C-alpha cells in the first residue's frame, strides 16, 4: 500500500507541475498573440510584453488557488471548466492595474475587459486540453 501511495503522489506532483507550466505557457501565448495582433511582436517589445505577462502570471497564481484551480477534484472534471474563466474575470483587472503601476500608465477599462475575455478563452482551452491529457493516463 505504501508503494502505491508513492506512485499516486508522484503522479499528482507531476500533473500539478504540468498544470502550472501549462498555465504559464497559456498566459504567455495569450500575451504574444495580443501583441502580435497589434503588430508589436518584435524583440524590442519584450519589455512591454513582460510588463503584461508578469502581472498576469502573478495575479493568476494569487487568485487561482483560492478558486481551487489546482485541486485534482476540479482539474479532473470537465464540468468545472467554467472556473478558469471566472478566475480570469478577476485576474485580468488586477493584472491591468499592476501593469499600469509598472508602466506608470493609466489603466484603460476596455483593455482590462478584452484581456479578461481573451485570457479566459485561452486558459479554458488549455485546461480542456489538460483534462484530456490526464483522462488518457
C-alpha atoms as a PDB file:
ATOM      1  CA  UNK A   1       0.000   0.000   0.000  1.00  0.00           C
ATOM      2  CA  UNK A   2       2.897   2.379   0.772  1.00  0.00           C
ATOM      3  CA  UNK A   3       4.396   1.896  -2.695  1.00  0.00           C
ATOM      4  CA  UNK A   4       1.033   2.584  -4.351  1.00  0.00           C
ATOM      5  CA  UNK A   5       0.695   5.792  -2.326  1.00  0.00           C
ATOM      6  CA  UNK A   6       4.149   6.940  -3.512  1.00  0.00           C
ATOM      7  CA  UNK A   7       3.215   6.297  -7.141  1.00  0.00           C
ATOM      8  CA  UNK A   8      -0.084   8.192  -6.748  1.00  0.00           C
ATOM      9  CA  UNK A   9       1.714  11.092  -5.028  1.00  0.00           C
ATOM     10  CA  UNK A  10       4.371  11.273  -7.768  1.00  0.00           C
ATOM     11  CA  UNK A  11       1.657  11.355 -10.476  1.00  0.00           C
ATOM     12  CA  UNK A  12      -0.139  14.081  -8.538  1.00  0.00           C
ATOM     13  CA  UNK A  13       3.024  16.190  -8.280  1.00  0.00           C
ATOM     14  CA  UNK A  14       3.833  15.605 -11.952  1.00  0.00           C
ATOM     15  CA  UNK A  15       0.273  16.514 -13.016  1.00  0.00           C
ATOM     16  CA  UNK A  16       0.326  19.683 -10.914  1.00  0.00           C
ATOM     17  CA  UNK A  17       3.701  20.637 -12.431  1.00  0.00           C
ATOM     18  CA  UNK A  18       2.303  20.134 -15.926  1.00  0.00           C
ATOM     19  CA  UNK A  19      -0.758  22.182 -14.983  1.00  0.00           C
ATOM     20  CA  UNK A  20       1.342  25.069 -13.641  1.00  0.00           C
ATOM     21  CA  UNK A  21       3.713  25.026 -16.619  1.00  0.00           C
ATOM     22  CA  UNK A  22       0.743  24.922 -18.989  1.00  0.00           C
ATOM     23  CA  UNK A  23      -0.878  27.854 -17.200  1.00  0.00           C
ATOM     24  CA  UNK A  24       2.316  29.870 -17.641  1.00  0.00           C
ATOM     25  CA  UNK A  25       2.533  28.904 -21.302  1.00  0.00           C
ATOM     26  CA  UNK A  26      -1.148  29.757 -21.895  1.00  0.00           C
ATOM     27  CA  UNK A  27      -0.637  33.178 -20.317  1.00  0.00           C
ATOM     28  CA  UNK A  28       2.487  33.655 -22.424  1.00  0.00           C
ATOM     29  CA  UNK A  29       0.707  32.643 -25.612  1.00  0.00           C
ATOM     30  CA  UNK A  30      -2.191  34.989 -24.927  1.00  0.00           C
ATOM     31  CA  UNK A  31       0.320  37.791 -24.300  1.00  0.00           C
ATOM     32  CA  UNK A  32       2.246  37.127 -27.514  1.00  0.00           C
ATOM     33  CA  UNK A  33      -0.930  36.798 -29.587  1.00  0.00           C
ATOM     34  CA  UNK A  34      -2.226  40.053 -28.134  1.00  0.00           C
ATOM     35  CA  UNK A  35       0.928  41.923 -29.066  1.00  0.00           C
ATOM     36  CA  UNK A  36       1.050  40.247 -32.492  1.00  0.00           C
ATOM     37  CA  UNK A  37      -2.492  41.381 -33.298  1.00  0.00           C
ATOM     38  CA  UNK A  38      -1.276  44.934 -32.768  1.00  0.00           C
ATOM     39  CA  UNK A  39       1.821  44.396 -34.924  1.00  0.00           C
ATOM     40  CA  UNK A  40       4.106  44.524 -31.887  1.00  0.00           C
ATOM     41  CA  UNK A  41       5.664  41.062 -31.865  1.00  0.00           C
ATOM     42  CA  UNK A  42       9.268  42.130 -32.476  1.00  0.00           C
ATOM     43  CA  UNK A  43      12.031  41.529 -29.957  1.00  0.00           C
ATOM     44  CA  UNK A  44      12.198  45.158 -28.839  1.00  0.00           C
ATOM     45  CA  UNK A  45       8.627  44.792 -27.486  1.00  0.00           C
ATOM     46  CA  UNK A  46       9.767  42.136 -24.991  1.00  0.00           C
ATOM     47  CA  UNK A  47       9.944  44.585 -22.043  1.00  0.00           C
ATOM     48  CA  UNK A  48       6.341  45.656 -22.682  1.00  0.00           C
ATOM     49  CA  UNK A  49       5.316  42.027 -23.079  1.00  0.00           C
ATOM     50  CA  UNK A  50       6.957  41.270 -19.743  1.00  0.00           C
ATOM     51  CA  UNK A  51       5.105  44.241 -18.232  1.00  0.00           C
ATOM     52  CA  UNK A  52       1.889  42.372 -19.039  1.00  0.00           C
ATOM     53  CA  UNK A  53       2.987  38.742 -18.700  1.00  0.00           C
ATOM     54  CA  UNK A  54       4.482  39.046 -15.219  1.00  0.00           C
ATOM     55  CA  UNK A  55       1.484  40.825 -13.611  1.00  0.00           C
ATOM     56  CA  UNK A  56      -0.911  38.436 -15.357  1.00  0.00           C
ATOM     57  CA  UNK A  57       1.013  35.383 -14.125  1.00  0.00           C
ATOM     58  CA  UNK A  58       1.335  36.774 -10.594  1.00  0.00           C
ATOM     59  CA  UNK A  59      -2.361  37.649 -10.483  1.00  0.00           C
ATOM     60  CA  UNK A  60      -3.287  34.200 -11.804  1.00  0.00           C
ATOM     61  CA  UNK A  61      -1.231  32.368  -9.193  1.00  0.00           C
ATOM     62  CA  UNK A  62      -2.571  34.609  -6.425  1.00  0.00           C
ATOM     63  CA  UNK A  63      -6.237  34.060  -7.267  1.00  0.00           C
ATOM     64  CA  UNK A  64      -6.443  30.652  -8.972  1.00  0.00           C
ATOM     65  CA  UNK A  65      -5.652  28.608  -5.836  1.00  0.00           C
ATOM     66  CA  UNK A  66      -8.417  30.418  -3.943  1.00  0.00           C
ATOM     67  CA  UNK A  67     -10.876  29.136  -6.559  1.00  0.00           C
ATOM     68  CA  UNK A  68      -9.494  25.610  -6.268  1.00  0.00           C
ATOM     69  CA  UNK A  69      -7.978  25.583  -9.734  1.00  0.00           C
ATOM     70  CA  UNK A  70      -5.129  23.303  -8.675  1.00  0.00           C
ATOM     71  CA  UNK A  71      -7.241  20.737  -6.822  1.00  0.00           C
ATOM     72  CA  UNK A  72      -7.478  17.369  -8.521  1.00  0.00           C
ATOM     73  CA  UNK A  73     -11.249  17.167  -7.968  1.00  0.00           C
ATOM     74  CA  UNK A  74     -11.684  20.320 -10.026  1.00  0.00           C
ATOM     75  CA  UNK A  75      -8.995  19.835 -12.679  1.00  0.00           C
ATOM     76  CA  UNK A  76     -10.224  16.321 -13.480  1.00  0.00           C
ATOM     77  CA  UNK A  77     -13.861  17.292 -14.083  1.00  0.00           C
ATOM     78  CA  UNK A  78     -14.885  18.911 -17.388  1.00  0.00           C
ATOM     79  CA  UNK A  79     -17.943  20.439 -15.718  1.00  0.00           C
ATOM     80  CA  UNK A  80     -15.528  22.675 -13.793  1.00  0.00           C
ATOM     81  CA  UNK A  81     -14.051  24.369 -16.889  1.00  0.00           C
ATOM     82  CA  UNK A  82     -16.051  27.482 -16.047  1.00  0.00           C
ATOM     83  CA  UNK A  83     -13.748  28.131 -13.081  1.00  0.00           C
ATOM     84  CA  UNK A  84     -10.683  29.296 -15.072  1.00  0.00           C
ATOM     85  CA  UNK A  85     -12.905  31.714 -16.997  1.00  0.00           C
ATOM     86  CA  UNK A  86     -14.371  33.074 -13.775  1.00  0.00           C
ATOM     87  CA  UNK A  87     -10.888  33.423 -12.313  1.00  0.00           C
ATOM     88  CA  UNK A  88      -9.721  35.458 -15.318  1.00  0.00           C
ATOM     89  CA  UNK A  89     -12.605  37.888 -14.832  1.00  0.00           C
ATOM     90  CA  UNK A  90     -10.900  38.862 -11.565  1.00  0.00           C
ATOM     91  CA  UNK A  91      -7.284  38.187 -12.573  1.00  0.00           C
ATOM     92  CA  UNK A  92      -7.184  40.428 -15.654  1.00  0.00           C
ATOM     93  CA  UNK A  93      -8.251  43.680 -13.961  1.00  0.00           C
ATOM     94  CA  UNK A  94      -5.729  43.079 -11.175  1.00  0.00           C
ATOM     95  CA  UNK A  95      -3.051  42.408 -13.787  1.00  0.00           C
ATOM     96  CA  UNK A  96      -4.061  45.556 -15.697  1.00  0.00           C
ATOM     97  CA  UNK A  97      -3.661  47.631 -12.529  1.00  0.00           C
ATOM     98  CA  UNK A  98      -0.255  46.074 -11.795  1.00  0.00           C
ATOM     99  CA  UNK A  99       0.765  46.699 -15.413  1.00  0.00           C
ATOM    100  CA  UNK A 100      -0.326  50.318 -15.022  1.00  0.00           C
ATOM    101  CA  UNK A 101       1.933  50.673 -11.981  1.00  0.00           C
ATOM    102  CA  UNK A 102       4.869  49.090 -13.808  1.00  0.00           C
ATOM    103  CA  UNK A 103       4.479  51.292 -16.902  1.00  0.00           C
ATOM    104  CA  UNK A 104       3.336  54.347 -14.942  1.00  0.00           C
ATOM    105  CA  UNK A 105       0.364  54.457 -17.279  1.00  0.00           C
ATOM    106  CA  UNK A 106      -3.401  54.722 -16.804  1.00  0.00           C
ATOM    107  CA  UNK A 107      -5.477  51.565 -16.685  1.00  0.00           C
ATOM    108  CA  UNK A 108      -7.850  51.536 -19.623  1.00  0.00           C
ATOM    109  CA  UNK A 109     -11.045  49.635 -18.722  1.00  0.00           C
ATOM    110  CA  UNK A 110     -11.610  48.253 -22.238  1.00  0.00           C
ATOM    111  CA  UNK A 111      -8.067  46.826 -22.161  1.00  0.00           C
ATOM    112  CA  UNK A 112      -8.851  45.021 -18.897  1.00  0.00           C
ATOM    113  CA  UNK A 113     -12.128  43.699 -20.330  1.00  0.00           C
ATOM    114  CA  UNK A 114     -10.514  42.404 -23.522  1.00  0.00           C
ATOM    115  CA  UNK A 115      -7.606  40.964 -21.541  1.00  0.00           C
ATOM    116  CA  UNK A 116     -10.104  39.157 -19.298  1.00  0.00           C
ATOM    117  CA  UNK A 117     -12.100  37.666 -22.157  1.00  0.00           C
ATOM    118  CA  UNK A 118      -9.150  36.596 -24.302  1.00  0.00           C
ATOM    119  CA  UNK A 119      -7.219  35.244 -21.315  1.00  0.00           C
ATOM    120  CA  UNK A 120     -10.286  33.364 -20.085  1.00  0.00           C
ATOM    121  CA  UNK A 121     -10.706  31.787 -23.515  1.00  0.00           C
ATOM    122  CA  UNK A 122      -7.017  30.825 -23.676  1.00  0.00           C
ATOM    123  CA  UNK A 123      -7.000  29.383 -20.175  1.00  0.00           C
ATOM    124  CA  UNK A 124     -10.186  27.363 -20.752  1.00  0.00           C
ATOM    125  CA  UNK A 125      -8.676  25.931 -23.961  1.00  0.00           C
ATOM    126  CA  UNK A 126      -5.514  24.942 -22.089  1.00  0.00           C
ATOM    127  CA  UNK A 127      -7.412  23.481 -19.134  1.00  0.00           C
ATOM    128  CA  UNK A 128      -9.639  21.453 -21.511  1.00  0.00           C
ATOM    129  CA  UNK A 129      -6.507  20.097 -23.200  1.00  0.00           C
ATOM    130  CA  UNK A 130      -5.053  19.306 -19.773  1.00  0.00           C
ATOM    131  CA  UNK A 131      -8.222  17.427 -18.850  1.00  0.00           C
ATOM    132  CA  UNK A 132      -7.939  15.319 -21.989  1.00  0.00           C
ATOM    133  CA  UNK A 133      -4.282  14.604 -21.230  1.00  0.00           C
ATOM    134  CA  UNK A 134      -4.898  13.397 -17.686  1.00  0.00           C
ATOM    135  CA  UNK A 135      -8.024  11.492 -18.681  1.00  0.00           C
ATOM    136  CA  UNK A 136      -5.988   9.402 -21.107  1.00  0.00           C
ATOM    137  CA  UNK A 137      -3.430   8.392 -18.465  1.00  0.00           C
END
